Amino acid sequence: MRQKAGGDWIKVTFTANADAQPAIESAEQALALEEALTKLEQTDERAARVVELRYFAGLSPEQVAEVLNVTRRTIDRDWRYARAFLHATLE
């Protein structure tokens, strides 16, 4: 239980939650998503940042609102817009 051996460390297990996004299954999907995010960033930079923070960083809407210094309602609007934009772009 010595500090050097991690005696004070807290064990954390990461599990998928019900709100998790689907995994990227291929390189083609990853490239398509990157291209779509670039287009979104040109259209609405904040919405693209919301996607990065929610999808890739796994932050909650409240945490994203705090990071971007906007209201939760703004994050919800940006998230809905970004999802619709990405869905339309990827199809």
PDB file of N, CA and C in Angstrom:
ATOM      1  N   MET A   1       0.831  -1.207   0.000  1.00  0.00           N
ATOM      2  CA  MET A   1       0.000   0.000   0.000  1.00  0.00           C
ATOM      3  C   MET A   1       0.866   1.258   0.000  1.00  0.00           C
ATOM      4  N   ARG A   2       2.075   1.166  -0.499  1.00  0.00           N
ATOM      5  CA  ARG A   2       2.963   2.314  -0.557  1.00  0.00           C
ATOM      6  C   ARG A   2       2.576   3.215  -1.728  1.00  0.00           C
ATOM      7  N   GLN A   3       2.874   4.492  -1.605  1.00  0.00           N
ATOM      8  CA  GLN A   3       2.575   5.466  -2.650  1.00  0.00           C
ATOM      9  C   GLN A   3       3.226   5.057  -3.969  1.00  0.00           C
ATOM     10  N   LYS A   4       4.462   4.579  -3.898  1.00  0.00           N
ATOM     11  CA  LYS A   4       5.198   4.192  -5.095  1.00  0.00           C
ATOM     12  C   LYS A   4       4.484   3.075  -5.868  1.00  0.00           C
ATOM     13  N   ALA A   5       3.802   2.213  -5.163  1.00  0.00           N
ATOM     14  CA  ALA A   5       3.096   1.089  -5.787  1.00  0.00           C
ATOM     15  C   ALA A   5       1.632   1.422  -6.089  1.00  0.00           C
ATOM     16  N   GLY A   6       1.256   2.673  -5.898  1.00  0.00           N
ATOM     17  CA  GLY A   6      -0.113   3.083  -6.209  1.00  0.00           C
ATOM     18  C   GLY A   6      -1.085   2.804  -5.083  1.00  0.00           C
ATOM     19  N   GLY A   7      -0.636   2.760  -3.866  1.00  0.00           N
ATOM     20  CA  GLY A   7      -1.483   2.443  -2.729  1.00  0.00           C
ATOM     21  C   GLY A   7      -2.623   3.414  -2.494  1.00  0.00           C
ATOM     22  N   ASP A   8      -2.447   4.683  -2.840  1.00  0.00           N
ATOM     23  CA  ASP A   8      -3.497   5.688  -2.637  1.00  0.00           C
ATOM     24  C   ASP A   8      -4.336   5.926  -3.893  1.00  0.00           C
ATOM     25  N   TRP A   9      -4.030   5.228  -4.956  1.00  0.00           N
ATOM     26  CA  TRP A   9      -4.750   5.436  -6.193  1.00  0.00           C
ATOM     27  C   TRP A   9      -6.172   4.939  -6.079  1.00  0.00           C
ATOM     28  N   ILE A  10      -7.048   5.567  -6.814  1.00  0.00           N
ATOM     29  CA  ILE A  10      -8.447   5.162  -6.845  1.00  0.00           C
ATOM     30  C   ILE A  10      -8.682   4.419  -8.148  1.00  0.00           C
ATOM     31  N   LYS A  11      -9.254   3.227  -8.055  1.00  0.00           N
ATOM     32  CA  LYS A  11      -9.542   2.439  -9.243  1.00  0.00           C
ATOM     33  C   LYS A  11     -10.810   2.970  -9.899  1.00  0.00           C
ATOM     34  N   VAL A  12     -10.732   3.223 -11.203  1.00  0.00           N
ATOM     35  CA  VAL A  12     -11.860   3.741 -11.963  1.00  0.00           C
ATOM     36  C   VAL A  12     -12.099   2.813 -13.141  1.00  0.00           C
ATOM     37  N   THR A  13     -13.351   2.433 -13.342  1.00  0.00           N
ATOM     38  CA  THR A  13     -13.726   1.595 -14.470  1.00  0.00           C
ATOM     39  C   THR A  13     -14.610   2.402 -15.396  1.00  0.00           C
ATOM     40  N   PHE A  14     -14.235   2.435 -16.653  1.00  0.00           N
ATOM     41  CA  PHE A  14     -15.028   3.155 -17.642  1.00  0.00           C
ATOM     42  C   PHE A  14     -15.979   2.181 -18.304  1.00  0.00           C
ATOM     43  N   THR A  15     -17.254   2.553 -18.328  1.00  0.00           N
ATOM     44  CA  THR A  15     -18.251   1.723 -18.982  1.00  0.00           C
ATOM     45  C   THR A  15     -19.049   2.587 -19.933  1.00  0.00           C
ATOM     46  N   ALA A  16     -19.597   1.965 -20.936  1.00  0.00           N
ATOM     47  CA  ALA A  16     -20.432   2.698 -21.894  1.00  0.00           C
ATOM     48  C   ALA A  16     -21.746   3.074 -21.223  1.00  0.00           C
ATOM     49  N   ASN A  17     -22.240   4.227 -21.565  1.00  0.00           N
ATOM     50  CA  ASN A  17     -23.541   4.624 -21.027  1.00  0.00           C
ATOM     51  C   ASN A  17     -24.587   4.558 -22.131  1.00  0.00           C
ATOM     52  N   ALA A  18     -25.805   4.717 -21.771  1.00  0.00           N
ATOM     53  CA  ALA A  18     -26.905   4.599 -22.733  1.00  0.00           C
ATOM     54  C   ALA A  18     -26.889   5.727 -23.755  1.00  0.00           C
ATOM     55  N   ASP A  19     -26.233   6.853 -23.439  1.00  0.00           N
ATOM     56  CA  ASP A  19     -26.201   8.010 -24.323  1.00  0.00           C
ATOM     57  C   ASP A  19     -24.954   8.026 -25.202  1.00  0.00           C
ATOM     58  N   ALA A  20     -24.192   6.927 -25.197  1.00  0.00           N
ATOM     59  CA  ALA A  20     -22.937   6.872 -25.935  1.00  0.00           C
ATOM     60  C   ALA A  20     -23.179   6.943 -27.441  1.00  0.00           C
ATOM     61  N   GLN A  21     -22.231   7.536 -28.124  1.00  0.00           N
ATOM     62  CA  GLN A  21     -22.300   7.647 -29.570  1.00  0.00           C
ATOM     63  C   GLN A  21     -21.788   6.362 -30.202  1.00  0.00           C
ATOM     64  N   PRO A  22     -22.242   6.034 -31.411  1.00  0.00           N
ATOM     65  CA  PRO A  22     -21.748   4.841 -32.087  1.00  0.00           C
ATOM     66  C   PRO A  22     -20.261   4.963 -32.396  1.00  0.00           C
ATOM     67  N   ALA A  23     -19.577   3.842 -32.390  1.00  0.00           N
ATOM     68  CA  ALA A  23     -18.149   3.826 -32.659  1.00  0.00           C
ATOM     69  C   ALA A  23     -17.883   4.003 -34.150  1.00  0.00           C
ATOM     70  N   ILE A  24     -16.733   4.540 -34.451  1.00  0.00           N
ATOM     71  CA  ILE A  24     -16.296   4.652 -35.837  1.00  0.00           C
ATOM     72  C   ILE A  24     -15.686   3.309 -36.203  1.00  0.00           C
ATOM     73  N   GLU A  25     -16.220   2.684 -37.236  1.00  0.00           N
ATOM     74  CA  GLU A  25     -15.858   1.313 -37.542  1.00  0.00           C
ATOM     75  C   GLU A  25     -14.796   1.170 -38.619  1.00  0.00           C
ATOM     76  N   SER A  26     -14.504   2.226 -39.379  1.00  0.00           N
ATOM     77  CA  SER A  26     -13.516   2.095 -40.445  1.00  0.00           C
ATOM     78  C   SER A  26     -12.783   3.415 -40.652  1.00  0.00           C
ATOM     79  N   ALA A  27     -11.674   3.324 -41.373  1.00  0.00           N
ATOM     80  CA  ALA A  27     -10.901   4.520 -41.692  1.00  0.00           C
ATOM     81  C   ALA A  27     -11.716   5.457 -42.577  1.00  0.00           C
ATOM     82  N   GLU A  28     -12.523   4.877 -43.455  1.00  0.00           N
ATOM     83  CA  GLU A  28     -13.345   5.704 -44.338  1.00  0.00           C
ATOM     84  C   GLU A  28     -14.346   6.527 -43.540  1.00  0.00           C
ATOM     85  N   GLN A  29     -14.940   5.907 -42.522  1.00  0.00           N
ATOM     86  CA  GLN A  29     -15.887   6.634 -41.673  1.00  0.00           C
ATOM     87  C   GLN A  29     -15.172   7.751 -40.909  1.00  0.00           C
ATOM     88  N   ALA A  30     -13.970   7.470 -40.434  1.00  0.00           N
ATOM     89  CA  ALA A  30     -13.211   8.478 -39.694  1.00  0.00           C
ATOM     90  C   ALA A  30     -12.875   9.662 -40.597  1.00  0.00           C
ATOM     91  N   LEU A  31     -12.457   9.383 -41.823  1.00  0.00           N
ATOM     92  CA  LEU A  31     -12.133  10.458 -42.760  1.00  0.00           C
ATOM     93  C   LEU A  31     -13.376  11.262 -43.149  1.00  0.00           C
ATOM     94  N   ALA A  32     -14.489  10.567 -43.357  1.00  0.00           N
ATOM     95  CA  ALA A  32     -15.740  11.257 -43.693  1.00  0.00           C
ATOM     96  C   ALA A  32     -16.182  12.155 -42.544  1.00  0.00           C
ATOM     97  N   LEU A  33     -16.061  11.660 -41.318  1.00  0.00           N
ATOM     98  CA  LEU A  33     -16.431  12.471 -40.149  1.00  0.00           C
ATOM     99  C   LEU A  33     -15.519  13.682 -40.013  1.00  0.00           C
ATOM    100  N   GLU A  34     -14.233  13.500 -40.236  1.00  0.00           N
ATOM    101  CA  GLU A  34     -13.296  14.621 -40.159  1.00  0.00           C
ATOM    102  C   GLU A  34     -13.636  15.690 -41.201  1.00  0.00           C
ATOM    103  N   GLU A  35     -13.951  15.250 -42.406  1.00  0.00           N
ATOM    104  CA  GLU A  35     -14.317  16.188 -43.468  1.00  0.00           C
ATOM    105  C   GLU A  35     -15.618  16.918 -43.121  1.00  0.00           C
ATOM    106  N   ALA A  36     -16.593  16.188 -42.592  1.00  0.00           N
ATOM    107  CA  ALA A  36     -17.867  16.804 -42.206  1.00  0.00           C
ATOM    108  C   ALA A  36     -17.669  17.799 -41.068  1.00  0.00           C
ATOM    109  N   LEU A  37     -16.814  17.472 -40.121  1.00  0.00           N
ATOM    110  CA  LEU A  37     -16.539  18.406 -39.016  1.00  0.00           C
ATOM    111  C   LEU A  37     -15.845  19.667 -39.520  1.00  0.00           C
ATOM    112  N   THR A  38     -14.976  19.514 -40.514  1.00  0.00           N
ATOM    113  CA  THR A  38     -14.315  20.681 -41.098  1.00  0.00           C
ATOM    114  C   THR A  38     -15.342  21.591 -41.766  1.00  0.00           C
ATOM    115  N   LYS A  39     -16.297  21.007 -42.481  1.00  0.00           N
ATOM    116  CA  LYS A  39     -17.367  21.795 -43.104  1.00  0.00           C
ATOM    117  C   LYS A  39     -18.230  22.481 -42.043  1.00  0.00           C
ATOM    118  N   LEU A  40     -18.536  21.746 -40.968  1.00  0.00           N
ATOM    119  CA  LEU A  40     -19.327  22.329 -39.880  1.00  0.00           C
ATOM    120  C   LEU A  40     -18.581  23.497 -39.248  1.00  0.00           C
ATOM    121  N   GLU A  41     -17.284  23.330 -39.059  1.00  0.00           N
ATOM    122  CA  GLU A  41     -16.482  24.393 -38.449  1.00  0.00           C
ATOM    123  C   GLU A  41     -16.496  25.658 -39.299  1.00  0.00           C
ATOM    124  N   GLN A  42     -16.527  25.503 -40.621  1.00  0.00           N
ATOM    125  CA  GLN A  42     -16.597  26.659 -41.515  1.00  0.00           C
ATOM    126  C   GLN A  42     -17.959  27.340 -41.428  1.00  0.00           C
ATOM    127  N   THR A  43     -18.998  26.557 -41.143  1.00  0.00           N
ATOM    128  CA  THR A  43     -20.355  27.095 -41.040  1.00  0.00           C
ATOM    129  C   THR A  43     -20.632  27.668 -39.656  1.00  0.00           C
ATOM    130  N   ASP A  44     -20.277  26.896 -38.617  1.00  0.00           N
ATOM    131  CA  ASP A  44     -20.559  27.296 -37.234  1.00  0.00           C
ATOM    132  C   ASP A  44     -19.464  26.735 -36.330  1.00  0.00           C
ATOM    133  N   GLU A  45     -18.497  27.572 -36.021  1.00  0.00           N
ATOM    134  CA  GLU A  45     -17.326  27.138 -35.257  1.00  0.00           C
ATOM    135  C   GLU A  45     -17.686  26.628 -33.860  1.00  0.00           C
ATOM    136  N   ARG A  46     -18.618  27.304 -33.196  1.00  0.00           N
ATOM    137  CA  ARG A  46     -18.988  26.877 -31.849  1.00  0.00           C
ATOM    138  C   ARG A  46     -19.683  25.517 -31.862  1.00  0.00           C
ATOM    139  N   ALA A  47     -20.540  25.282 -32.834  1.00  0.00           N
ATOM    140  CA  ALA A  47     -21.214  23.988 -32.936  1.00  0.00           C
ATOM    141  C   ALA A  47     -20.196  22.869 -33.156  1.00  0.00           C
ATOM    142  N   ALA A  48     -19.168  23.133 -33.959  1.00  0.00           N
ATOM    143  CA  ALA A  48     -18.119  22.134 -34.174  1.00  0.00           C
ATOM    144  C   ALA A  48     -17.371  21.862 -32.872  1.00  0.00           C
ATOM    145  N   ARG A  49     -17.137  22.891 -32.099  1.00  0.00           N
ATOM    146  CA  ARG A  49     -16.447  22.733 -30.805  1.00  0.00           C
ATOM    147  C   ARG A  49     -17.318  21.918 -29.844  1.00  0.00           C
ATOM    148  N   VAL A  50     -18.629  22.141 -29.884  1.00  0.00           N
ATOM    149  CA  VAL A  50     -19.556  21.372 -29.041  1.00  0.00           C
ATOM    150  C   VAL A  50     -19.463  19.888 -29.385  1.00  0.00           C
ATOM    151  N   VAL A  51     -19.414  19.571 -30.675  1.00  0.00           N
ATOM    152  CA  VAL A  51     -19.289  18.167 -31.089  1.00  0.00           C
ATOM    153  C   VAL A  51     -17.986  17.589 -30.563  1.00  0.00           C
ATOM    154  N   GLU A  52     -16.896  18.311 -30.710  1.00  0.00           N
ATOM    155  CA  GLU A  52     -15.601  17.819 -30.236  1.00  0.00           C
ATOM    156  C   GLU A  52     -15.632  17.539 -28.738  1.00  0.00           C
ATOM    157  N   LEU A  53     -16.209  18.454 -27.977  1.00  0.00           N
ATOM    158  CA  LEU A  53     -16.224  18.299 -26.526  1.00  0.00           C
ATOM    159  C   LEU A  53     -17.187  17.207 -26.069  1.00  0.00           C
ATOM    160  N   ARG A  54     -18.335  17.084 -26.721  1.00  0.00           N
ATOM    161  CA  ARG A  54     -19.306  16.061 -26.319  1.00  0.00           C
ATOM    162  C   ARG A  54     -18.930  14.690 -26.848  1.00  0.00           C
ATOM    163  N   TYR A  55     -18.643  14.596 -28.143  1.00  0.00           N
ATOM    164  CA  TYR A  55     -18.422  13.298 -28.783  1.00  0.00           C
ATOM    165  C   TYR A  55     -17.040  12.731 -28.460  1.00  0.00           C
ATOM    166  N   PHE A  56     -16.007  13.545 -28.630  1.00  0.00           N
ATOM    167  CA  PHE A  56     -14.652  13.043 -28.468  1.00  0.00           C
ATOM    168  C   PHE A  56     -14.133  13.145 -27.037  1.00  0.00           C
ATOM    169  N   ALA A  57     -14.468  14.222 -26.343  1.00  0.00           N
ATOM    170  CA  ALA A  57     -13.992  14.384 -24.970  1.00  0.00           C
ATOM    171  C   ALA A  57     -14.943  13.760 -23.957  1.00  0.00           C
ATOM    172  N   GLY A  58     -16.189  13.501 -24.367  1.00  0.00           N
ATOM    173  CA  GLY A  58     -17.148  12.853 -23.479  1.00  0.00           C
ATOM    174  C   GLY A  58     -17.709  13.740 -22.392  1.00  0.00           C
ATOM    175  N   LEU A  59     -17.666  15.047 -22.595  1.00  0.00           N
ATOM    176  CA  LEU A  59     -18.193  15.962 -21.586  1.00  0.00           C
ATOM    177  C   LEU A  59     -19.714  16.016 -21.640  1.00  0.00           C
ATOM    178  N   SER A  60     -20.314  16.284 -20.508  1.00  0.00           N
ATOM    179  CA  SER A  60     -21.763  16.451 -20.446  1.00  0.00           C
ATOM    180  C   SER A  60     -22.119  17.835 -20.997  1.00  0.00           C
ATOM    181  N   PRO A  61     -23.390  18.045 -21.340  1.00  0.00           N
ATOM    182  CA  PRO A  61     -23.793  19.380 -21.818  1.00  0.00           C
ATOM    183  C   PRO A  61     -23.473  20.489 -20.812  1.00  0.00           C
ATOM    184  N   GLU A  62     -23.632  20.198 -19.541  1.00  0.00           N
ATOM    185  CA  GLU A  62     -23.320  21.195 -18.513  1.00  0.00           C
ATOM    186  C   GLU A  62     -21.835  21.538 -18.513  1.00  0.00           C
ATOM    187  N   GLN A  63     -20.995  20.533 -18.656  1.00  0.00           N
ATOM    188  CA  GLN A  63     -19.552  20.761 -18.692  1.00  0.00           C
ATOM    189  C   GLN A  63     -19.151  21.542 -19.940  1.00  0.00           C
ATOM    190  N   VAL A  64     -19.759  21.220 -21.067  1.00  0.00           N
ATOM    191  CA  VAL A  64     -19.463  21.943 -22.311  1.00  0.00           C
ATOM    192  C   VAL A  64     -19.863  23.408 -22.160  1.00  0.00           C
ATOM    193  N   ALA A  65     -21.027  23.646 -21.579  1.00  0.00           N
ATOM    194  CA  ALA A  65     -21.488  25.023 -21.364  1.00  0.00           C
ATOM    195  C   ALA A  65     -20.495  25.793 -20.502  1.00  0.00           C
ATOM    196  N   GLU A  66     -19.971  25.137 -19.486  1.00  0.00           N
ATOM    197  CA  GLU A  66     -18.999  25.793 -18.605  1.00  0.00           C
ATOM    198  C   GLU A  66     -17.697  26.087 -19.349  1.00  0.00           C
ATOM    199  N   VAL A  67     -17.220  25.126 -20.138  1.00  0.00           N
ATOM    200  CA  VAL A  67     -15.974  25.309 -20.885  1.00  0.00           C
ATOM    201  C   VAL A  67     -16.105  26.446 -21.901  1.00  0.00           C
ATOM    202  N   LEU A  68     -17.230  26.490 -22.608  1.00  0.00           N
ATOM    203  CA  LEU A  68     -17.426  27.499 -23.648  1.00  0.00           C
ATOM    204  C   LEU A  68     -18.017  28.805 -23.122  1.00  0.00           C
ATOM    205  N   ASN A  69     -18.354  28.826 -21.832  1.00  0.00           N
ATOM    206  CA  ASN A  69     -18.885  30.018 -21.184  1.00  0.00           C
ATOM    207  C   ASN A  69     -20.170  30.511 -21.852  1.00  0.00           C
ATOM    208  N   VAL A  70     -21.080  29.551 -22.095  1.00  0.00           N
ATOM    209  CA  VAL A  70     -22.406  29.857 -22.628  1.00  0.00           C
ATOM    210  C   VAL A  70     -23.430  29.083 -21.797  1.00  0.00           C
ATOM    211  N   THR A  71     -24.704  29.298 -22.076  1.00  0.00           N
ATOM    212  CA  THR A  71     -25.746  28.613 -21.311  1.00  0.00           C
ATOM    213  C   THR A  71     -25.944  27.184 -21.810  1.00  0.00           C
ATOM    214  N   ARG A  72     -26.547  26.381 -20.973  1.00  0.00           N
ATOM    215  CA  ARG A  72     -26.862  24.995 -21.336  1.00  0.00           C
ATOM    216  C   ARG A  72     -27.815  24.971 -22.536  1.00  0.00           C
ATOM    217  N   ARG A  73     -28.740  25.902 -22.569  1.00  0.00           N
ATOM    218  CA  ARG A  73     -29.699  25.969 -23.665  1.00  0.00           C
ATOM    219  C   ARG A  73     -28.992  26.220 -25.008  1.00  0.00           C
ATOM    220  N   THR A  74     -27.970  27.059 -24.991  1.00  0.00           N
ATOM    221  CA  THR A  74     -27.183  27.315 -26.197  1.00  0.00           C
ATOM    222  C   THR A  74     -26.478  26.052 -26.657  1.00  0.00           C
ATOM    223  N   ILE A  75     -25.947  25.296 -25.716  1.00  0.00           N
ATOM    224  CA  ILE A  75     -25.273  24.038 -26.048  1.00  0.00           C
ATOM    225  C   ILE A  75     -26.269  23.059 -26.653  1.00  0.00           C
ATOM    226  N   ASP A  76     -27.458  22.978 -26.092  1.00  0.00           N
ATOM    227  CA  ASP A  76     -28.483  22.085 -26.639  1.00  0.00           C
ATOM    228  C   ASP A  76     -28.830  22.463 -28.080  1.00  0.00           C
ATOM    229  N   ARG A  77     -28.974  23.759 -28.336  1.00  0.00           N
ATOM    230  CA  ARG A  77     -29.277  24.228 -29.695  1.00  0.00           C
ATOM    231  C   ARG A  77     -28.137  23.901 -30.655  1.00  0.00           C
ATOM    232  N   ASP A  78     -26.904  24.179 -30.226  1.00  0.00           N
ATOM    233  CA  ASP A  78     -25.745  23.895 -31.073  1.00  0.00           C
ATOM    234  C   ASP A  78     -25.608  22.399 -31.336  1.00  0.00           C
ATOM    235  N   TRP A  79     -25.875  21.573 -30.329  1.00  0.00           N
ATOM    236  CA  TRP A  79     -25.777  20.118 -30.466  1.00  0.00           C
ATOM    237  C   TRP A  79     -26.804  19.600 -31.473  1.00  0.00           C
ATOM    238  N   ARG A  80     -28.049  20.096 -31.377  1.00  0.00           N
ATOM    239  CA  ARG A  80     -29.082  19.685 -32.329  1.00  0.00           C
ATOM    240  C   ARG A  80     -28.710  20.099 -33.751  1.00  0.00           C
ATOM    241  N   TYR A  81     -28.242  21.333 -33.899  1.00  0.00           N
ATOM    242  CA  TYR A  81     -27.839  21.821 -35.216  1.00  0.00           C
ATOM    243  C   TYR A  81     -26.681  20.987 -35.764  1.00  0.00           C
ATOM    244  N   ALA A  82     -25.673  20.748 -34.959  1.00  0.00           N
ATOM    245  CA  ALA A  82     -24.496  20.005 -35.401  1.00  0.00           C
ATOM    246  C   ALA A  82     -24.856  18.580 -35.802  1.00  0.00           C
ATOM    247  N   ARG A  83     -25.710  17.930 -35.014  1.00  0.00           N
ATOM    248  CA  ARG A  83     -26.121  16.562 -35.351  1.00  0.00           C
ATOM    249  C   ARG A  83     -26.857  16.528 -36.679  1.00  0.00           C
ATOM    250  N   ALA A  84     -27.762  17.470 -36.899  1.00  0.00           N
ATOM    251  CA  ALA A  84     -28.504  17.518 -38.158  1.00  0.00           C
ATOM    252  C   ALA A  84     -27.557  17.810 -39.327  1.00  0.00           C
ATOM    253  N   PHE A  85     -26.649  18.739 -39.136  1.00  0.00           N
ATOM    254  CA  PHE A  85     -25.680  19.093 -40.175  1.00  0.00           C
ATOM    255  C   PHE A  85     -24.813  17.892 -40.529  1.00  0.00           C
ATOM    256  N   LEU A  86     -24.261  17.219 -39.512  1.00  0.00           N
ATOM    257  CA  LEU A  86     -23.396  16.066 -39.757  1.00  0.00           C
ATOM    258  C   LEU A  86     -24.166  14.917 -40.399  1.00  0.00           C
ATOM    259  N   HIS A  87     -25.390  14.699 -39.948  1.00  0.00           N
ATOM    260  CA  HIS A  87     -26.215  13.641 -40.520  1.00  0.00           C
ATOM    261  C   HIS A  87     -26.455  13.901 -42.012  1.00  0.00           C
ATOM    262  N   ALA A  88     -26.809  15.121 -42.338  1.00  0.00           N
ATOM    263  CA  ALA A  88     -27.058  15.466 -43.738  1.00  0.00           C
ATOM    264  C   ALA A  88     -25.775  15.393 -44.574  1.00  0.00           C
ATOM    265  N   THR A  89     -24.661  15.793 -43.996  1.00  0.00           N
ATOM    266  CA  THR A  89     -23.392  15.784 -44.724  1.00  0.00           C
ATOM    267  C   THR A  89     -22.867  14.373 -44.943  1.00  0.00           C
ATOM    268  N   LEU A  90     -23.065  13.508 -43.970  1.00  0.00           N
ATOM    269  CA  LEU A  90     -22.532  12.150 -44.063  1.00  0.00           C
ATOM    270  C   LEU A  90     -23.399  11.213 -44.906  1.00  0.00           C
ATOM    271  N   GLU A  91     -24.591  11.617 -45.232  1.00  0.00           N
ATOM    272  CA  GLU A  91     -25.444  10.747 -46.055  1.00  0.00           C
ATOM    273  C   GLU A  91     -25.324  11.003 -47.518  1.00  0.00           C
TER     274      GLU A  91
END
